[in-house]
Amino acid sequence: MFQDKVVWITGASAGIGEAVAYEMAHAGAKLVLSARREDELLRVAGNIDTDDILILPFD
């Protein structure tokens, strides 16, 4: 269902947003991850086995 779809997840650096990022990556989605803490976004992206991730730190 999410194969090759783009999913933008806000609050992706922790909690529910992080869990959703893992589930959407597992479902084959291309991810846009945003949150305030860039270091935590990079940590989450590093735990996902795909190159289809765009990190956008926002405040």
N, C-alpha and C. Protein backbone atom coordinates (compact mmCIF):
# COMPACT_ATOMS: atom_id res chain seq x y z
N MET A 1 0.81 -1.20 0.00
CA MET A 1 0.00 0.00 0.00
C MET A 1 0.86 1.27 0.00
N PHE A 2 1.96 1.27 0.72
CA PHE A 2 2.83 2.45 0.80
C PHE A 2 4.08 2.32 -0.07
N GLN A 3 4.20 1.24 -0.82
CA GLN A 3 5.37 1.03 -1.66
C GLN A 3 5.56 2.21 -2.61
N ASP A 4 6.74 2.84 -2.54
CA ASP A 4 7.11 3.97 -3.40
C ASP A 4 6.26 5.23 -3.20
N LYS A 5 5.49 5.30 -2.14
CA LYS A 5 4.76 6.52 -1.79
C LYS A 5 5.67 7.37 -0.91
N VAL A 6 5.48 8.68 -0.94
CA VAL A 6 6.24 9.58 -0.08
C VAL A 6 5.41 9.88 1.16
N VAL A 7 6.01 9.65 2.33
CA VAL A 7 5.34 9.88 3.60
C VAL A 7 6.17 10.88 4.40
N TRP A 8 5.54 11.99 4.78
CA TRP A 8 6.21 13.02 5.59
C TRP A 8 5.75 12.84 7.03
N ILE A 9 6.71 12.59 7.91
CA ILE A 9 6.41 12.34 9.32
C ILE A 9 7.00 13.47 10.15
N THR A 10 6.15 14.18 10.87
CA THR A 10 6.61 15.22 11.78
C THR A 10 6.79 14.61 13.16
N GLY A 11 7.72 15.15 13.91
CA GLY A 11 8.00 14.58 15.23
C GLY A 11 8.66 13.22 15.13
N ALA A 12 9.45 13.03 14.08
CA ALA A 12 10.02 11.71 13.79
C ALA A 12 11.25 11.37 14.60
N SER A 13 11.68 12.25 15.49
CA SER A 13 12.92 12.00 16.23
C SER A 13 12.71 11.15 17.48
N ALA A 14 11.46 10.89 17.87
CA ALA A 14 11.21 10.11 19.08
C ALA A 14 9.74 9.69 19.14
N GLY A 15 9.46 8.78 20.05
CA GLY A 15 8.08 8.41 20.35
C GLY A 15 7.30 7.84 19.19
N ILE A 16 6.06 8.30 19.07
CA ILE A 16 5.15 7.78 18.04
C ILE A 16 5.69 8.08 16.64
N GLY A 17 6.23 9.28 16.42
CA GLY A 17 6.77 9.63 15.11
C GLY A 17 7.90 8.71 14.69
N GLU A 18 8.77 8.37 15.63
CA GLU A 18 9.87 7.45 15.34
C GLU A 18 9.32 6.07 14.98
N ALA A 19 8.35 5.60 15.74
CA ALA A 19 7.75 4.28 15.48
C ALA A 19 7.07 4.26 14.11
N VAL A 20 6.38 5.34 13.76
CA VAL A 20 5.72 5.42 12.46
C VAL A 20 6.76 5.41 11.34
N ALA A 21 7.88 6.08 11.54
CA ALA A 21 8.95 6.08 10.54
C ALA A 21 9.43 4.66 10.26
N TYR A 22 9.64 3.89 11.31
CA TYR A 22 10.09 2.51 11.12
C TYR A 22 9.04 1.67 10.39
N GLU A 23 7.78 1.84 10.75
CA GLU A 23 6.71 1.07 10.11
C GLU A 23 6.55 1.45 8.64
N MET A 24 6.60 2.73 8.33
CA MET A 24 6.45 3.17 6.95
C MET A 24 7.63 2.74 6.09
N ALA A 25 8.83 2.76 6.65
CA ALA A 25 10.00 2.28 5.92
C ALA A 25 9.85 0.79 5.64
N HIS A 26 9.37 0.05 6.62
CA HIS A 26 9.15 -1.40 6.45
C HIS A 26 8.10 -1.66 5.36
N ALA A 27 7.14 -0.74 5.23
CA ALA A 27 6.09 -0.88 4.23
C ALA A 27 6.54 -0.41 2.85
N GLY A 28 7.79 0.08 2.73
CA GLY A 28 8.33 0.46 1.44
C GLY A 28 8.17 1.92 1.06
N ALA A 29 7.77 2.76 2.00
CA ALA A 29 7.57 4.18 1.70
C ALA A 29 8.91 4.92 1.60
N LYS A 30 8.89 5.99 0.83
CA LYS A 30 10.00 6.95 0.82
C LYS A 30 9.68 7.95 1.92
N LEU A 31 10.67 8.29 2.75
CA LEU A 31 10.39 9.06 3.96
C LEU A 31 10.94 10.47 3.92
N VAL A 32 10.15 11.40 4.44
CA VAL A 32 10.58 12.74 4.79
C VAL A 32 10.40 12.82 6.30
N LEU A 33 11.50 12.97 7.02
CA LEU A 33 11.45 13.01 8.48
C LEU A 33 11.75 14.42 8.96
N SER A 34 10.89 14.95 9.81
CA SER A 34 11.15 16.27 10.36
C SER A 34 10.90 16.29 11.86
N ALA A 35 11.67 17.13 12.52
CA ALA A 35 11.58 17.37 13.96
C ALA A 35 12.56 18.49 14.27
N ARG A 36 12.62 18.90 15.53
CA ARG A 36 13.52 19.99 15.91
C ARG A 36 14.97 19.54 16.04
N ARG A 37 15.20 18.30 16.46
CA ARG A 37 16.56 17.85 16.78
C ARG A 37 17.17 17.06 15.63
N GLU A 38 18.05 17.71 14.90
CA GLU A 38 18.68 17.07 13.74
C GLU A 38 19.47 15.83 14.14
N ASP A 39 20.17 15.88 15.27
CA ASP A 39 20.96 14.72 15.69
C ASP A 39 20.09 13.50 15.93
N GLU A 40 18.89 13.70 16.47
CA GLU A 40 17.98 12.57 16.69
C GLU A 40 17.37 12.08 15.38
N LEU A 41 17.11 12.99 14.46
CA LEU A 41 16.62 12.57 13.14
C LEU A 41 17.66 11.71 12.43
N LEU A 42 18.92 12.10 12.53
CA LEU A 42 19.99 11.32 11.93
C LEU A 42 20.11 9.94 12.58
N ARG A 43 19.88 9.88 13.88
CA ARG A 43 19.90 8.59 14.58
C ARG A 43 18.79 7.68 14.05
N VAL A 44 17.58 8.23 13.95
CA VAL A 44 16.45 7.44 13.45
C VAL A 44 16.72 6.99 12.02
N ALA A 45 17.18 7.90 11.16
CA ALA A 45 17.48 7.55 9.77
C ALA A 45 18.55 6.48 9.69
N GLY A 46 19.51 6.52 10.60
CA GLY A 46 20.57 5.51 10.63
C GLY A 46 20.07 4.13 11.00
N ASN A 47 18.92 4.06 11.66
CA ASN A 47 18.33 2.78 12.04
C ASN A 47 17.44 2.19 10.96
N ILE A 48 17.26 2.93 9.86
CA ILE A 48 16.38 2.49 8.78
C ILE A 48 17.25 2.10 7.59
N ASP A 49 17.00 0.92 7.04
CA ASP A 49 17.81 0.37 5.97
C ASP A 49 17.27 0.79 4.59
N THR A 50 17.41 2.08 4.28
CA THR A 50 17.04 2.59 2.96
C THR A 50 17.75 3.91 2.73
N ASP A 51 17.90 4.27 1.47
CA ASP A 51 18.48 5.56 1.12
C ASP A 51 17.40 6.58 0.76
N ASP A 52 16.13 6.14 0.77
CA ASP A 52 15.02 7.01 0.40
C ASP A 52 14.50 7.79 1.60
N ILE A 53 15.40 8.57 2.23
CA ILE A 53 15.03 9.37 3.40
C ILE A 53 15.55 10.79 3.21
N LEU A 54 14.68 11.75 3.44
CA LEU A 54 15.06 13.16 3.45
C LEU A 54 14.86 13.66 4.87
N ILE A 55 15.89 14.28 5.43
CA ILE A 55 15.84 14.82 6.79
C ILE A 55 15.61 16.33 6.70
N LEU A 56 14.58 16.83 7.38
CA LEU A 56 14.30 18.26 7.41
C LEU A 56 14.10 18.71 8.85
N PRO A 57 15.17 19.20 9.48
CA PRO A 57 15.01 19.70 10.85
C PRO A 57 14.30 21.06 10.84
N PHE A 58 13.22 21.17 11.60
CA PHE A 58 12.43 22.40 11.71
C PHE A 58 12.17 22.72 13.17
N ASP A 59 12.00 23.99 13.44
CA ASP A 59 11.57 24.41 14.77
C ASP A 59 10.23 25.09 14.67
